[in-house]
N, C-alpha and C. Protein backbone atom coordinates (compact mmCIF):
# COMPACT_ATOMS: atom_id res chain seq x y z
N UNK A 1 109.90 112.79 102.69
CA UNK A 1 111.29 112.38 102.87
C UNK A 1 112.18 113.60 103.09
N UNK A 2 113.17 113.41 103.93
CA UNK A 2 114.16 114.44 104.20
C UNK A 2 115.52 113.88 103.81
N UNK A 3 116.26 114.64 103.02
CA UNK A 3 117.63 114.26 102.71
C UNK A 3 118.56 115.19 103.47
N UNK A 4 119.57 114.61 104.12
CA UNK A 4 120.52 115.37 104.92
C UNK A 4 121.92 115.17 104.37
N UNK A 5 122.65 116.26 104.23
CA UNK A 5 124.02 116.18 103.71
C UNK A 5 124.93 116.97 104.65
N UNK A 6 125.90 116.26 105.25
CA UNK A 6 126.86 116.90 106.13
C UNK A 6 128.06 117.39 105.33
N UNK A 7 128.69 118.42 105.84
CA UNK A 7 129.92 118.94 105.26
C UNK A 7 130.72 119.62 106.37
N UNK A 8 131.98 119.91 106.08
CA UNK A 8 132.81 120.63 107.02
C UNK A 8 133.81 119.80 107.78
N UNK A 9 133.78 118.50 107.57
CA UNK A 9 134.76 117.66 108.25
C UNK A 9 136.15 117.86 107.67
N UNK A 10 137.14 117.26 108.33
CA UNK A 10 138.50 117.38 107.83
C UNK A 10 139.49 116.94 108.89
N UNK A 11 140.74 117.31 108.67
CA UNK A 11 141.82 116.99 109.59
C UNK A 11 142.25 118.27 110.29
N UNK A 12 142.36 118.21 111.59
CA UNK A 12 142.73 119.38 112.38
C UNK A 12 143.63 118.94 113.53
N UNK A 13 144.49 119.82 113.96
CA UNK A 13 145.34 119.50 115.11
C UNK A 13 144.57 119.65 116.41
N UNK A 14 145.01 118.96 117.42
CA UNK A 14 144.40 119.08 118.74
C UNK A 14 144.39 120.54 119.16
N UNK A 15 143.27 120.95 119.73
CA UNK A 15 143.09 122.33 120.11
C UNK A 15 142.43 123.20 119.05
N UNK A 16 142.32 122.66 117.86
CA UNK A 16 141.73 123.41 116.75
C UNK A 16 140.22 123.35 116.73
N UNK A 17 139.64 123.92 115.68
CA UNK A 17 138.19 124.02 115.56
C UNK A 17 137.73 123.59 114.17
N UNK A 18 136.50 123.11 114.14
CA UNK A 18 135.82 122.81 112.89
C UNK A 18 134.35 123.17 113.06
N UNK A 19 133.71 123.51 111.96
CA UNK A 19 132.28 123.75 111.98
C UNK A 19 131.63 122.82 110.96
N UNK A 20 130.79 121.93 111.47
CA UNK A 20 130.06 121.03 110.59
C UNK A 20 128.72 121.64 110.22
N UNK A 21 128.31 121.38 109.00
CA UNK A 21 126.99 121.83 108.55
C UNK A 21 126.17 120.62 108.11
N UNK A 22 124.88 120.73 108.26
CA UNK A 22 123.95 119.69 107.84
C UNK A 22 122.83 120.37 107.06
N UNK A 23 122.88 120.21 105.75
CA UNK A 23 121.90 120.85 104.88
C UNK A 23 120.79 119.86 104.55
N UNK A 24 119.56 120.32 104.68
CA UNK A 24 118.41 119.46 104.44
C UNK A 24 117.69 119.85 103.16
N UNK A 25 117.12 118.86 102.53
CA UNK A 25 116.27 119.10 101.37
C UNK A 25 115.09 118.13 101.44
N UNK A 26 114.06 118.43 100.69
CA UNK A 26 112.89 117.57 100.68
C UNK A 26 111.76 118.12 101.51
N UNK A 27 112.09 118.60 102.70
CA UNK A 27 111.10 119.21 103.58
C UNK A 27 111.79 120.27 104.42
N UNK A 28 111.01 121.20 104.93
CA UNK A 28 111.61 122.19 105.82
C UNK A 28 111.84 121.56 107.19
N UNK A 29 112.88 122.02 107.85
CA UNK A 29 113.29 121.42 109.11
C UNK A 29 112.62 122.00 110.34
N UNK A 30 111.77 123.00 110.17
CA UNK A 30 111.30 123.72 111.34
C UNK A 30 110.34 122.92 112.23
N UNK A 31 110.01 121.70 111.84
CA UNK A 31 109.21 120.85 112.71
C UNK A 31 109.98 119.61 113.16
N UNK A 32 111.29 119.62 112.98
CA UNK A 32 112.13 118.48 113.32
C UNK A 32 113.14 118.85 114.40
N UNK A 33 113.30 117.97 115.38
CA UNK A 33 114.45 118.02 116.26
C UNK A 33 115.66 117.56 115.45
N UNK A 34 116.81 118.19 115.66
CA UNK A 34 118.03 117.82 114.96
C UNK A 34 119.07 117.33 115.95
N UNK A 35 119.82 116.33 115.53
CA UNK A 35 120.86 115.79 116.39
C UNK A 35 122.14 115.53 115.62
N UNK A 36 123.23 115.51 116.38
CA UNK A 36 124.51 115.08 115.85
C UNK A 36 124.98 113.86 116.63
N UNK A 37 125.47 112.88 115.90
CA UNK A 37 126.03 111.68 116.49
C UNK A 37 127.41 111.46 115.88
N UNK A 38 128.19 110.60 116.51
CA UNK A 38 129.49 110.27 115.94
C UNK A 38 129.80 108.79 116.17
N UNK A 39 130.64 108.27 115.29
CA UNK A 39 131.03 106.87 115.40
C UNK A 39 132.51 106.74 115.08
N UNK A 40 133.24 106.29 116.09
CA UNK A 40 134.66 106.01 115.92
C UNK A 40 134.84 104.56 115.49
N UNK A 41 135.97 104.22 114.87
CA UNK A 41 136.20 102.85 114.43
C UNK A 41 136.07 101.85 115.57
N UNK A 42 135.29 100.81 115.36
CA UNK A 42 135.13 99.77 116.36
C UNK A 42 134.21 100.13 117.52
N UNK A 43 133.56 101.28 117.44
CA UNK A 43 132.69 101.71 118.54
C UNK A 43 131.27 101.92 118.04
N UNK A 44 130.36 101.96 119.02
CA UNK A 44 128.97 102.24 118.71
C UNK A 44 128.80 103.71 118.32
N UNK A 45 127.79 103.98 117.53
CA UNK A 45 127.45 105.37 117.24
C UNK A 45 126.91 106.01 118.51
N UNK A 46 127.44 107.17 118.86
CA UNK A 46 127.07 107.80 120.12
C UNK A 46 126.53 109.21 119.90
N UNK A 47 125.69 109.59 120.82
CA UNK A 47 125.07 110.91 120.80
C UNK A 47 126.10 111.99 121.11
N UNK A 48 126.00 113.12 120.40
CA UNK A 48 126.87 114.26 120.65
C UNK A 48 126.06 115.46 121.15
N UNK A 49 125.06 115.86 120.38
CA UNK A 49 124.29 117.05 120.72
C UNK A 49 122.96 117.03 119.97
N UNK A 50 121.99 117.77 120.50
CA UNK A 50 120.70 117.89 119.85
C UNK A 50 120.11 119.27 120.10
N UNK A 51 119.21 119.67 119.23
CA UNK A 51 118.56 120.98 119.35
C UNK A 51 117.09 120.83 118.97
N UNK A 52 116.25 121.50 119.71
CA UNK A 52 114.82 121.41 119.44
C UNK A 52 114.46 122.09 118.12
N UNK A 53 113.25 121.85 117.67
CA UNK A 53 112.83 122.37 116.36
C UNK A 53 112.90 123.90 116.29
N UNK A 54 112.64 124.57 117.40
CA UNK A 54 112.70 126.03 117.42
C UNK A 54 114.08 126.57 117.70
N UNK A 55 114.96 125.69 118.18
CA UNK A 55 116.29 126.12 118.58
C UNK A 55 116.39 126.55 120.03
N UNK A 56 115.28 126.50 120.75
CA UNK A 56 115.28 127.01 122.10
C UNK A 56 115.83 126.07 123.15
N UNK A 57 115.96 124.79 122.82
CA UNK A 57 116.47 123.80 123.78
C UNK A 57 117.64 123.06 123.13
N UNK A 58 118.71 122.89 123.89
CA UNK A 58 119.85 122.10 123.43
C UNK A 58 120.26 121.11 124.51
N UNK A 59 120.94 120.09 124.09
CA UNK A 59 121.41 119.06 125.02
C UNK A 59 122.71 118.49 124.48
N UNK A 60 123.68 118.26 125.36
CA UNK A 60 125.00 117.80 124.94
C UNK A 60 125.44 116.57 125.73
N UNK A 61 126.21 115.76 125.07
CA UNK A 61 126.90 114.67 125.76
C UNK A 61 127.96 115.30 126.66
N UNK A 62 128.21 114.71 127.81
CA UNK A 62 129.06 115.35 128.82
C UNK A 62 130.45 115.70 128.30
N UNK A 63 131.04 114.85 127.49
CA UNK A 63 132.43 115.08 127.10
C UNK A 63 132.60 116.26 126.12
N UNK A 64 131.52 116.74 125.54
CA UNK A 64 131.63 117.87 124.60
C UNK A 64 131.07 119.17 125.17
N UNK A 65 130.48 119.11 126.34
CA UNK A 65 129.93 120.33 126.94
C UNK A 65 131.01 121.37 127.11
N UNK A 66 130.70 122.60 126.73
CA UNK A 66 131.65 123.68 126.84
C UNK A 66 132.61 123.79 125.67
N UNK A 67 132.64 122.76 124.81
CA UNK A 67 133.52 122.79 123.65
C UNK A 67 132.73 122.83 122.33
N UNK A 68 131.61 122.14 122.29
CA UNK A 68 130.79 122.07 121.08
C UNK A 68 129.53 122.90 121.26
N UNK A 69 129.07 123.46 120.16
CA UNK A 69 127.82 124.22 120.17
C UNK A 69 126.97 123.81 118.97
N UNK A 70 125.76 123.39 119.26
CA UNK A 70 124.82 123.05 118.18
C UNK A 70 123.92 124.25 117.93
N UNK A 71 123.60 124.49 116.68
CA UNK A 71 122.71 125.59 116.33
C UNK A 71 121.96 125.23 115.05
N UNK A 72 121.02 126.05 114.69
CA UNK A 72 120.27 125.80 113.47
C UNK A 72 119.79 127.11 112.88
N UNK A 73 119.58 127.10 111.59
CA UNK A 73 119.01 128.24 110.89
C UNK A 73 117.87 127.68 110.05
N UNK A 74 116.67 127.77 110.56
CA UNK A 74 115.54 127.16 109.86
C UNK A 74 115.25 127.84 108.53
N UNK A 75 115.60 129.10 108.42
CA UNK A 75 115.40 129.80 107.15
C UNK A 75 116.30 129.21 106.06
N UNK A 76 117.46 128.69 106.47
CA UNK A 76 118.40 128.08 105.53
C UNK A 76 118.28 126.56 105.51
N UNK A 77 117.38 126.04 106.33
CA UNK A 77 117.19 124.59 106.40
C UNK A 77 118.48 123.85 106.72
N UNK A 78 119.24 124.41 107.66
CA UNK A 78 120.57 123.89 107.96
C UNK A 78 120.80 123.87 109.47
N UNK A 79 121.47 122.81 109.91
CA UNK A 79 121.92 122.72 111.29
C UNK A 79 123.44 122.73 111.30
N UNK A 80 124.00 123.12 112.45
CA UNK A 80 125.45 123.28 112.55
C UNK A 80 125.95 122.64 113.84
N UNK A 81 127.23 122.29 113.80
CA UNK A 81 127.92 121.87 115.02
C UNK A 81 129.28 122.55 115.02
N UNK A 82 129.41 123.55 115.88
CA UNK A 82 130.70 124.22 116.05
C UNK A 82 131.50 123.44 117.08
N UNK A 83 132.70 123.01 116.69
CA UNK A 83 133.53 122.19 117.56
C UNK A 83 134.84 122.93 117.83
N UNK A 84 135.05 123.27 119.09
CA UNK A 84 136.26 123.96 119.50
C UNK A 84 137.07 123.07 120.44
N UNK A 85 138.33 123.44 120.65
CA UNK A 85 139.20 122.71 121.57
C UNK A 85 139.16 121.22 121.27
N UNK A 86 139.29 120.87 120.03
CA UNK A 86 139.16 119.47 119.62
C UNK A 86 140.29 118.62 120.20
N UNK A 87 139.93 117.38 120.51
CA UNK A 87 140.85 116.41 121.08
C UNK A 87 140.95 115.19 120.16
N UNK A 88 142.04 114.45 120.24
CA UNK A 88 142.13 113.22 119.43
C UNK A 88 140.95 112.28 119.65
N UNK A 89 140.41 112.24 120.86
CA UNK A 89 139.24 111.38 121.15
C UNK A 89 137.99 111.82 120.40
N UNK A 90 138.00 113.00 119.81
CA UNK A 90 136.84 113.45 119.03
C UNK A 90 136.87 112.89 117.60
N UNK A 91 137.94 112.21 117.25
CA UNK A 91 138.05 111.63 115.91
C UNK A 91 136.95 110.61 115.67
N UNK A 92 136.19 110.81 114.60
CA UNK A 92 135.06 109.93 114.30
C UNK A 92 134.41 110.39 113.01
N UNK A 93 133.49 109.59 112.52
CA UNK A 93 132.57 110.04 111.48
C UNK A 93 131.39 110.68 112.19
N UNK A 94 131.06 111.89 111.79
CA UNK A 94 129.97 112.63 112.41
C UNK A 94 128.74 112.60 111.50
N UNK A 95 127.60 112.28 112.11
CA UNK A 95 126.34 112.16 111.38
C UNK A 95 125.32 113.16 111.94
N UNK A 96 124.59 113.80 111.05
CA UNK A 96 123.44 114.56 111.53
C UNK A 96 122.18 113.73 111.30
N UNK A 97 121.18 114.03 112.08
CA UNK A 97 119.94 113.27 112.03
C UNK A 97 118.76 114.19 112.34
N UNK A 98 117.61 113.84 111.79
CA UNK A 98 116.40 114.61 112.01
C UNK A 98 115.31 113.72 112.58
N UNK A 99 114.59 114.25 113.57
CA UNK A 99 113.52 113.51 114.22
C UNK A 99 112.23 114.31 114.13
N UNK A 100 111.16 113.67 113.73
CA UNK A 100 109.87 114.34 113.68
C UNK A 100 109.45 114.75 115.09
N UNK A 101 109.01 116.00 115.21
CA UNK A 101 108.60 116.48 116.53
C UNK A 101 109.57 117.50 117.08
N UNK A 102 109.05 118.30 118.02
CA UNK A 102 109.83 119.44 118.52
C UNK A 102 111.01 119.03 119.39
N UNK A 103 110.78 118.04 120.26
CA UNK A 103 111.82 117.67 121.23
C UNK A 103 111.45 116.34 121.87
N UNK A 104 112.46 115.73 122.51
CA UNK A 104 112.19 114.52 123.28
C UNK A 104 113.15 113.40 122.97
N UNK A 105 113.63 112.72 123.99
CA UNK A 105 114.51 111.56 123.89
C UNK A 105 115.67 111.84 122.95
N UNK A 106 116.29 112.98 123.10
CA UNK A 106 117.32 113.42 122.15
C UNK A 106 118.48 112.44 121.99
N UNK A 107 119.01 111.83 123.05
CA UNK A 107 120.16 110.93 122.87
C UNK A 107 119.82 109.56 122.25
N UNK A 108 118.56 109.27 122.07
CA UNK A 108 118.12 107.95 121.61
C UNK A 108 118.19 107.86 120.09
N UNK A 109 119.08 107.03 119.56
CA UNK A 109 119.23 106.91 118.10
C UNK A 109 117.94 106.51 117.41
N UNK A 110 117.16 105.67 118.07
CA UNK A 110 115.91 105.19 117.46
C UNK A 110 114.87 106.30 117.32
N UNK A 111 115.10 107.40 117.98
CA UNK A 111 114.17 108.54 117.92
C UNK A 111 114.20 109.23 116.57
N UNK A 112 115.30 109.08 115.84
CA UNK A 112 115.56 109.85 114.63
C UNK A 112 115.07 109.11 113.38
N UNK A 113 114.48 109.89 112.49
CA UNK A 113 113.86 109.31 111.30
C UNK A 113 114.74 109.38 110.06
N UNK A 114 115.62 110.35 110.02
CA UNK A 114 116.46 110.56 108.83
C UNK A 114 117.90 110.79 109.26
N UNK A 115 118.81 110.28 108.45
CA UNK A 115 120.24 110.38 108.73
C UNK A 115 120.99 110.83 107.49
N UNK A 116 122.07 111.58 107.73
CA UNK A 116 122.98 111.91 106.66
C UNK A 116 124.00 110.80 106.45
N UNK A 117 124.88 111.01 105.49
CA UNK A 117 125.86 109.98 105.14
C UNK A 117 127.12 110.06 105.98
N UNK A 118 127.29 111.15 106.71
CA UNK A 118 128.43 111.29 107.60
C UNK A 118 129.57 112.08 107.00
N UNK A 119 130.35 112.70 107.86
CA UNK A 119 131.55 113.41 107.45
C UNK A 119 132.66 113.09 108.45
N UNK A 120 133.86 112.84 107.93
CA UNK A 120 134.97 112.40 108.77
C UNK A 120 135.63 113.60 109.46
N UNK A 121 135.85 113.45 110.74
CA UNK A 121 136.63 114.42 111.51
C UNK A 121 137.81 113.69 112.11
N UNK A 122 139.00 114.18 111.83
CA UNK A 122 140.22 113.57 112.35
C UNK A 122 141.01 114.62 113.10
N UNK A 123 141.30 114.35 114.36
CA UNK A 123 142.05 115.27 115.20
C UNK A 123 143.40 114.64 115.51
N UNK A 124 144.45 115.30 115.07
CA UNK A 124 145.80 114.77 115.29
C UNK A 124 146.39 115.36 116.56
N UNK A 125 147.23 114.55 117.21
CA UNK A 125 147.83 115.00 118.48
C UNK A 125 149.15 115.72 118.23
């Protein structure tokens, strides 16, 4: 079992930045693909970004490309999502997730085996 705990959410003005962290326990993450998803009120949970188990491959949803950066530190068993130039449309609960295996089908929610409880990000205009 893998337990994931997100942190770093909060309230920020448009144009600001936040860095989310996803700390894992139970198992080491170096054999898991990691992903970030978000869910706004009344909407489906959507893919944001993913990173391969080694950190060598990343993939982003189009609306966050150039603004968000996913990274990981396997020695610390932690994944990150650096969010810059935040917009009100980025307001959502952000979830990290872990998938067994190095890479593959990153945007597919069903691909992921473990999920965190989420952290709220609110961007004011």
